[in-house]
């Protein structure tokens, strides 16, 4: 009973091919989705890390200046 059925061999070959095609389609969908997300992010006109850091530094300087001015006002009010 070691004879193989040609029908089962054909079916196994078809299943193997289908699995390969499904895997390839999945990878293609993943790549297309990633490309679309990257394009959407690029279209959003987001600020870069450097721009955010520069704005934070400006805000800190402004806050320090406000605090210094508040101290001067208190001193003048006495």
Protein backbone atom coordinates (compact mmCIF):
# COMPACT_ATOMS: atom_id res chain seq x y z
CA UNK A 1 0.00 0.00 0.00
CA UNK A 2 2.83 2.35 -0.65
CA UNK A 3 1.32 3.57 -3.92
CA UNK A 4 0.41 7.26 -3.87
CA UNK A 5 -2.81 8.55 -5.28
CA UNK A 6 -2.26 10.98 -8.15
CA UNK A 7 -5.43 12.80 -7.14
CA UNK A 8 -4.06 13.44 -3.65
CA UNK A 9 -0.72 14.51 -5.10
CA UNK A 10 -2.49 16.98 -7.39
CA UNK A 11 -4.61 18.24 -4.51
CA UNK A 12 -1.52 18.69 -2.32
CA UNK A 13 0.17 20.60 -5.13
CA UNK A 14 -2.83 22.87 -5.56
CA UNK A 15 -3.02 23.53 -1.81
CA UNK A 16 0.69 24.34 -1.67
CA UNK A 17 0.31 26.76 -4.57
CA UNK A 18 -2.74 28.36 -3.00
CA UNK A 19 -0.94 28.84 0.31
CA UNK A 20 1.99 30.47 -1.49
CA UNK A 21 -0.33 32.78 -3.40
CA UNK A 22 -2.21 33.70 -0.22
CA UNK A 23 1.06 34.46 1.58
CA UNK A 24 2.26 36.62 -1.32
CA UNK A 25 -1.06 38.47 -1.43
CA UNK A 26 -0.86 39.08 2.31
CA UNK A 27 2.64 40.52 2.01
CA UNK A 28 1.52 42.71 -0.89
CA UNK A 29 -1.43 44.02 1.14
CA UNK A 30 0.87 44.74 4.08
CA UNK A 31 3.31 46.66 1.89
CA UNK A 32 0.52 48.61 0.21
CA UNK A 33 -1.00 49.49 3.59
CA UNK A 34 2.32 50.66 4.96
CA UNK A 35 2.90 52.82 1.89
CA UNK A 36 -0.55 54.38 2.23
CA UNK A 37 -0.02 55.17 5.92
CA UNK A 38 3.37 56.74 5.16
CA UNK A 39 1.79 58.86 2.42
CA UNK A 40 -1.01 60.00 4.75
CA UNK A 41 1.51 60.99 7.43
CA UNK A 42 3.60 62.89 4.88
CA UNK A 43 0.48 64.78 3.74
CA UNK A 44 -0.34 65.83 7.32
CA UNK A 45 2.43 68.45 7.41
CA UNK A 46 3.52 67.45 10.92
CA UNK A 47 6.24 69.32 12.81
CA UNK A 48 9.65 67.71 13.10
CA UNK A 49 11.29 66.81 16.40
CA UNK A 50 13.71 69.72 15.99
CA UNK A 51 10.87 72.20 15.48
CA UNK A 52 9.09 70.95 18.59
CA UNK A 53 12.26 71.20 20.67
CA UNK A 54 12.87 74.75 19.43
CA UNK A 55 9.32 75.77 20.37
CA UNK A 56 9.72 74.20 23.81
CA UNK A 57 12.91 76.21 24.37
CA UNK A 58 11.12 79.42 23.36
CA UNK A 59 8.23 78.62 25.71
CA UNK A 60 10.60 77.97 28.62
CA UNK A 61 12.40 81.26 27.98
CA UNK A 62 9.08 83.12 27.84
CA UNK A 63 7.93 81.54 31.10
CA UNK A 64 11.18 82.45 32.81
CA UNK A 65 10.84 86.04 31.59
CA UNK A 66 7.23 86.22 32.84
CA UNK A 67 8.30 84.94 36.25
CA UNK A 68 11.11 87.51 36.40
CA UNK A 69 8.73 90.30 35.44
CA UNK A 70 6.21 89.17 38.07
CA UNK A 71 8.95 89.41 40.70
CA UNK A 72 9.83 92.93 39.54
CA UNK A 73 6.18 93.99 39.69
CA UNK A 74 5.84 92.63 43.23
CA UNK A 75 9.00 94.48 44.26
CA UNK A 76 7.69 97.74 42.78
CA UNK A 77 4.32 97.33 44.50
CA UNK A 78 5.92 97.27 47.96
